[in-house]
Amino acid sequence: IEAGTLPPWSGGSDSEGVAATSPTALATWFTIFYFGYYFFTWTCTMIPYDALGMELTSDYSERVTLFSVKVFCHFVGYMVPNGCGLFLAGYFANDVLSLYAVQALVIA
């Protein structure tokens, strides 16, 4: 390592020193990662979260109100980052780094 740069990797690489990966291997890796990630994160968070409403009340109308509020909050939680991103994209049209920094601060 000289002057803060890494030497290009020579084993199985293309002309730019980037490892060449077959499309099949890449698709397989992505499929396994995608399904594994979403299977475990969805199972570990949403099943207990949905079951909590059943434990909080046994009254049907209270459960409907509870889950309606939950769905509304989910919708708002999904729309705020999108709306924030659209607004800030117009404001920081030429400075992507500032766009991401301000959006991270707003959402956090």
N, C-alpha and C. Protein backbone atom coordinates (compact mmCIF):
# COMPACT_ATOMS: atom_id res chain seq x y z
N ILE A 1 0.86 -1.16 0.00
CA ILE A 1 0.00 0.00 0.00
C ILE A 1 0.91 1.22 0.00
N GLU A 2 0.75 2.00 -1.00
CA GLU A 2 1.63 3.15 -1.14
C GLU A 2 0.79 4.39 -1.44
N ALA A 3 1.04 5.45 -0.75
CA ALA A 3 0.36 6.72 -0.93
C ALA A 3 -1.15 6.60 -0.71
N GLY A 4 -1.56 5.69 0.20
CA GLY A 4 -2.97 5.57 0.54
C GLY A 4 -3.83 4.86 -0.48
N THR A 5 -3.23 4.16 -1.44
CA THR A 5 -4.03 3.44 -2.43
C THR A 5 -3.72 1.96 -2.35
N LEU A 6 -4.67 1.16 -2.72
CA LEU A 6 -4.47 -0.28 -2.75
C LEU A 6 -4.09 -0.71 -4.16
N PRO A 7 -3.20 -1.69 -4.28
CA PRO A 7 -2.89 -2.19 -5.62
C PRO A 7 -4.10 -2.93 -6.19
N PRO A 8 -4.27 -2.91 -7.50
CA PRO A 8 -5.41 -3.62 -8.09
C PRO A 8 -5.29 -5.12 -7.86
N TRP A 9 -6.42 -5.74 -7.66
CA TRP A 9 -6.46 -7.18 -7.46
C TRP A 9 -6.33 -7.85 -8.80
N SER A 10 -5.43 -8.80 -8.93
CA SER A 10 -5.16 -9.37 -10.25
C SER A 10 -5.87 -10.69 -10.50
N GLY A 11 -6.38 -11.36 -9.48
CA GLY A 11 -6.99 -12.67 -9.69
C GLY A 11 -8.43 -12.58 -10.15
N GLY A 12 -8.71 -13.03 -11.36
CA GLY A 12 -10.07 -13.08 -11.86
C GLY A 12 -10.72 -11.71 -11.99
N SER A 13 -9.98 -10.75 -12.49
CA SER A 13 -10.53 -9.40 -12.56
C SER A 13 -10.62 -8.94 -14.00
N ASP A 14 -11.44 -7.91 -14.20
CA ASP A 14 -11.54 -7.34 -15.53
C ASP A 14 -10.46 -6.27 -15.71
N SER A 15 -10.55 -5.46 -16.74
CA SER A 15 -9.49 -4.50 -17.05
C SER A 15 -9.35 -3.41 -16.00
N GLU A 16 -10.36 -3.16 -15.16
CA GLU A 16 -10.29 -2.11 -14.16
C GLU A 16 -9.90 -2.63 -12.78
N GLY A 17 -9.60 -3.90 -12.65
CA GLY A 17 -9.21 -4.45 -11.37
C GLY A 17 -10.39 -4.84 -10.49
N VAL A 18 -11.58 -4.84 -11.05
CA VAL A 18 -12.77 -5.22 -10.30
C VAL A 18 -13.03 -6.70 -10.53
N ALA A 19 -13.36 -7.40 -9.47
CA ALA A 19 -13.58 -8.84 -9.58
C ALA A 19 -14.73 -9.13 -10.54
N ALA A 20 -14.49 -10.03 -11.48
CA ALA A 20 -15.52 -10.40 -12.44
C ALA A 20 -16.41 -11.46 -11.80
N THR A 21 -17.70 -11.21 -11.79
CA THR A 21 -18.66 -12.14 -11.20
C THR A 21 -19.67 -12.50 -12.26
N SER A 22 -19.97 -13.78 -12.36
CA SER A 22 -20.96 -14.19 -13.35
C SER A 22 -22.34 -13.70 -12.96
N PRO A 23 -23.19 -13.40 -13.93
CA PRO A 23 -24.55 -12.94 -13.61
C PRO A 23 -25.34 -13.98 -12.81
N THR A 24 -25.12 -15.24 -13.05
CA THR A 24 -25.82 -16.28 -12.30
C THR A 24 -25.41 -16.28 -10.84
N ALA A 25 -24.11 -16.15 -10.59
CA ALA A 25 -23.64 -16.12 -9.20
C ALA A 25 -24.15 -14.87 -8.48
N LEU A 26 -24.16 -13.75 -9.17
CA LEU A 26 -24.66 -12.53 -8.58
C LEU A 26 -26.15 -12.61 -8.29
N ALA A 27 -26.92 -13.17 -9.21
CA ALA A 27 -28.36 -13.34 -9.00
C ALA A 27 -28.64 -14.31 -7.86
N THR A 28 -27.85 -15.36 -7.75
CA THR A 28 -28.03 -16.32 -6.66
C THR A 28 -27.72 -15.67 -5.32
N TRP A 29 -26.61 -14.95 -5.24
CA TRP A 29 -26.25 -14.26 -4.00
C TRP A 29 -27.33 -13.27 -3.61
N PHE A 30 -27.81 -12.47 -4.57
CA PHE A 30 -28.84 -11.47 -4.28
C PHE A 30 -30.13 -12.13 -3.81
N THR A 31 -30.53 -13.22 -4.44
CA THR A 31 -31.77 -13.91 -4.06
C THR A 31 -31.67 -14.44 -2.64
N ILE A 32 -30.57 -15.09 -2.32
CA ILE A 32 -30.40 -15.65 -0.97
C ILE A 32 -30.36 -14.52 0.06
N PHE A 33 -29.62 -13.46 -0.22
CA PHE A 33 -29.54 -12.34 0.72
C PHE A 33 -30.88 -11.65 0.88
N TYR A 34 -31.57 -11.40 -0.23
CA TYR A 34 -32.84 -10.68 -0.20
C TYR A 34 -33.89 -11.45 0.60
N PHE A 35 -34.09 -12.71 0.26
CA PHE A 35 -35.10 -13.49 0.97
C PHE A 35 -34.70 -13.76 2.41
N GLY A 36 -33.43 -14.00 2.66
CA GLY A 36 -32.99 -14.22 4.03
C GLY A 36 -33.17 -12.99 4.88
N TYR A 37 -32.79 -11.84 4.35
CA TYR A 37 -32.91 -10.58 5.10
C TYR A 37 -34.36 -10.27 5.41
N TYR A 38 -35.21 -10.28 4.39
CA TYR A 38 -36.60 -9.91 4.62
C TYR A 38 -37.37 -10.97 5.40
N PHE A 39 -37.02 -12.22 5.24
CA PHE A 39 -37.69 -13.27 6.02
C PHE A 39 -37.42 -13.08 7.51
N PHE A 40 -36.16 -12.88 7.86
CA PHE A 40 -35.83 -12.77 9.28
C PHE A 40 -36.25 -11.43 9.87
N THR A 41 -36.07 -10.33 9.14
CA THR A 41 -36.47 -9.04 9.71
C THR A 41 -37.98 -8.93 9.82
N TRP A 42 -38.70 -9.40 8.83
CA TRP A 42 -40.17 -9.33 8.89
C TRP A 42 -40.70 -10.24 9.99
N THR A 43 -40.19 -11.44 10.07
CA THR A 43 -40.65 -12.38 11.08
C THR A 43 -40.34 -11.89 12.48
N CYS A 44 -39.16 -11.38 12.69
CA CYS A 44 -38.75 -10.98 14.03
C CYS A 44 -39.38 -9.69 14.51
N THR A 45 -39.89 -8.87 13.61
CA THR A 45 -40.49 -7.61 14.04
C THR A 45 -42.00 -7.57 13.89
N MET A 46 -42.52 -7.99 12.77
CA MET A 46 -43.95 -7.78 12.50
C MET A 46 -44.85 -8.79 13.19
N ILE A 47 -44.44 -10.01 13.36
CA ILE A 47 -45.32 -10.99 14.02
C ILE A 47 -45.56 -10.59 15.48
N PRO A 48 -44.55 -10.26 16.27
CA PRO A 48 -44.84 -9.78 17.63
C PRO A 48 -45.60 -8.45 17.63
N TYR A 49 -45.29 -7.60 16.68
CA TYR A 49 -45.95 -6.30 16.61
C TYR A 49 -47.44 -6.46 16.29
N ASP A 50 -47.79 -7.37 15.39
CA ASP A 50 -49.19 -7.63 15.08
C ASP A 50 -49.89 -8.36 16.21
N ALA A 51 -49.19 -9.23 16.89
CA ALA A 51 -49.80 -9.98 17.99
C ALA A 51 -50.06 -9.10 19.20
N LEU A 52 -49.34 -7.99 19.33
CA LEU A 52 -49.52 -7.11 20.46
C LEU A 52 -50.94 -6.54 20.52
N GLY A 53 -51.50 -6.21 19.36
CA GLY A 53 -52.86 -5.67 19.32
C GLY A 53 -53.88 -6.64 19.86
N MET A 54 -53.69 -7.90 19.61
CA MET A 54 -54.61 -8.92 20.12
C MET A 54 -54.51 -9.06 21.63
N GLU A 55 -53.32 -8.80 22.15
CA GLU A 55 -53.12 -8.91 23.59
C GLU A 55 -53.59 -7.67 24.35
N LEU A 56 -53.62 -6.52 23.68
CA LEU A 56 -53.99 -5.29 24.36
C LEU A 56 -55.48 -5.20 24.65
N THR A 57 -56.30 -5.73 23.76
CA THR A 57 -57.75 -5.63 23.97
C THR A 57 -58.45 -6.83 23.34
N SER A 58 -59.55 -7.21 23.96
CA SER A 58 -60.35 -8.30 23.41
C SER A 58 -61.60 -7.77 22.71
N ASP A 59 -61.86 -6.46 22.80
CA ASP A 59 -63.01 -5.86 22.16
C ASP A 59 -62.72 -5.64 20.67
N TYR A 60 -63.66 -6.06 19.83
CA TYR A 60 -63.46 -5.98 18.39
C TYR A 60 -63.31 -4.53 17.92
N SER A 61 -64.15 -3.64 18.37
CA SER A 61 -64.10 -2.25 17.89
C SER A 61 -62.83 -1.54 18.36
N GLU A 62 -62.37 -1.84 19.56
CA GLU A 62 -61.10 -1.26 20.03
C GLU A 62 -59.92 -1.79 19.21
N ARG A 63 -59.98 -3.07 18.86
CA ARG A 63 -58.92 -3.65 18.03
C ARG A 63 -58.89 -3.01 16.65
N VAL A 64 -60.06 -2.77 16.07
CA VAL A 64 -60.13 -2.12 14.76
C VAL A 64 -59.55 -0.72 14.84
N THR A 65 -59.89 0.01 15.87
CA THR A 65 -59.34 1.36 16.06
C THR A 65 -57.83 1.31 16.25
N LEU A 66 -57.36 0.37 17.05
CA LEU A 66 -55.93 0.23 17.31
C LEU A 66 -55.16 -0.07 16.03
N PHE A 67 -55.65 -1.02 15.25
CA PHE A 67 -54.95 -1.38 14.02
C PHE A 67 -55.09 -0.30 12.95
N SER A 68 -56.19 0.46 12.97
CA SER A 68 -56.33 1.58 12.03
C SER A 68 -55.31 2.66 12.32
N VAL A 69 -55.10 2.95 13.59
CA VAL A 69 -54.08 3.94 13.97
C VAL A 69 -52.69 3.42 13.59
N LYS A 70 -52.47 2.14 13.78
CA LYS A 70 -51.17 1.55 13.43
C LYS A 70 -50.91 1.66 11.93
N VAL A 71 -51.91 1.36 11.11
CA VAL A 71 -51.75 1.44 9.66
C VAL A 71 -51.55 2.89 9.22
N PHE A 72 -52.27 3.82 9.83
CA PHE A 72 -52.08 5.23 9.51
C PHE A 72 -50.66 5.68 9.84
N CYS A 73 -50.16 5.28 10.99
CA CYS A 73 -48.78 5.65 11.37
C CYS A 73 -47.76 5.01 10.43
N HIS A 74 -48.02 3.78 9.99
CA HIS A 74 -47.13 3.15 9.00
C HIS A 74 -47.12 3.96 7.71
N PHE A 75 -48.30 4.37 7.27
CA PHE A 75 -48.40 5.14 6.03
C PHE A 75 -47.64 6.46 6.15
N VAL A 76 -47.84 7.15 7.25
CA VAL A 76 -47.13 8.43 7.46
C VAL A 76 -45.63 8.18 7.53
N GLY A 77 -45.23 7.10 8.21
CA GLY A 77 -43.81 6.77 8.32
C GLY A 77 -43.17 6.42 7.00
N TYR A 78 -43.93 5.87 6.07
CA TYR A 78 -43.39 5.58 4.74
C TYR A 78 -43.38 6.83 3.86
N MET A 79 -44.33 7.72 4.05
CA MET A 79 -44.45 8.88 3.17
C MET A 79 -43.54 10.04 3.58
N VAL A 80 -43.23 10.18 4.85
CA VAL A 80 -42.39 11.31 5.29
C VAL A 80 -41.01 11.28 4.63
N PRO A 81 -40.30 10.15 4.61
CA PRO A 81 -38.99 10.16 3.93
C PRO A 81 -39.10 10.45 2.44
N ASN A 82 -40.16 9.94 1.79
CA ASN A 82 -40.33 10.19 0.36
C ASN A 82 -40.62 11.66 0.10
N GLY A 83 -41.53 12.24 0.86
CA GLY A 83 -41.84 13.65 0.70
C GLY A 83 -40.66 14.54 1.03
N CYS A 84 -39.94 14.18 2.08
CA CYS A 84 -38.75 14.92 2.48
C CYS A 84 -37.70 14.86 1.36
N GLY A 85 -37.51 13.68 0.80
CA GLY A 85 -36.55 13.52 -0.28
C GLY A 85 -36.91 14.33 -1.51
N LEU A 86 -38.20 14.34 -1.87
CA LEU A 86 -38.62 15.14 -3.03
C LEU A 86 -38.44 16.63 -2.79
N PHE A 87 -38.81 17.08 -1.61
CA PHE A 87 -38.65 18.50 -1.28
C PHE A 87 -37.18 18.90 -1.28
N LEU A 88 -36.35 18.10 -0.61
CA LEU A 88 -34.94 18.44 -0.51
C LEU A 88 -34.20 18.28 -1.82
N ALA A 89 -34.69 17.38 -2.70
CA ALA A 89 -34.05 17.22 -4.01
C ALA A 89 -34.19 18.48 -4.84
N GLY A 90 -35.30 19.18 -4.69
CA GLY A 90 -35.45 20.45 -5.38
C GLY A 90 -34.61 21.55 -4.75
N TYR A 91 -34.47 21.49 -3.45
CA TYR A 91 -33.72 22.52 -2.73
C TYR A 91 -32.21 22.35 -2.91
N PHE A 92 -31.73 21.11 -2.86
CA PHE A 92 -30.30 20.81 -3.01
C PHE A 92 -30.07 20.11 -4.35
N ALA A 93 -30.50 20.71 -5.43
CA ALA A 93 -30.45 20.05 -6.74
C ALA A 93 -29.03 19.72 -7.19
N ASN A 94 -28.06 20.52 -6.82
CA ASN A 94 -26.70 20.31 -7.31
C ASN A 94 -25.73 19.81 -6.24
N ASP A 95 -26.21 19.53 -5.05
CA ASP A 95 -25.33 19.12 -3.96
C ASP A 95 -25.91 17.87 -3.29
N VAL A 96 -25.59 16.72 -3.84
CA VAL A 96 -26.16 15.46 -3.37
C VAL A 96 -25.69 15.14 -1.96
N LEU A 97 -24.45 15.43 -1.63
CA LEU A 97 -23.93 15.15 -0.29
C LEU A 97 -24.72 15.92 0.77
N SER A 98 -24.98 17.18 0.52
CA SER A 98 -25.78 17.96 1.47
C SER A 98 -27.22 17.45 1.53
N LEU A 99 -27.75 17.03 0.39
CA LEU A 99 -29.10 16.46 0.36
C LEU A 99 -29.22 15.28 1.30
N TYR A 100 -28.29 14.34 1.20
CA TYR A 100 -28.34 13.16 2.07
C TYR A 100 -28.09 13.51 3.53
N ALA A 101 -27.20 14.44 3.77
CA ALA A 101 -26.90 14.83 5.16
C ALA A 101 -28.11 15.48 5.81
N VAL A 102 -28.76 16.40 5.12
CA VAL A 102 -29.94 17.07 5.69
C VAL A 102 -31.09 16.09 5.83
N GLN A 103 -31.29 15.22 4.85
CA GLN A 103 -32.38 14.24 4.95
C GLN A 103 -32.14 13.29 6.12
N ALA A 104 -30.93 12.88 6.35
CA ALA A 104 -30.63 12.01 7.49
C ALA A 104 -30.93 12.73 8.80
N LEU A 105 -30.60 14.01 8.88
CA LEU A 105 -30.88 14.76 10.10
C LEU A 105 -32.38 14.95 10.31
N VAL A 106 -33.12 15.21 9.24
CA VAL A 106 -34.56 15.42 9.35
C VAL A 106 -35.26 14.13 9.77
N ILE A 107 -34.89 13.03 9.16
CA ILE A 107 -35.56 11.76 9.47
C ILE A 107 -35.16 11.23 10.83
N ALA A 108 -33.91 11.45 11.22
CA ALA A 108 -33.46 10.96 12.52
C ALA A 108 -34.14 11.74 13.61
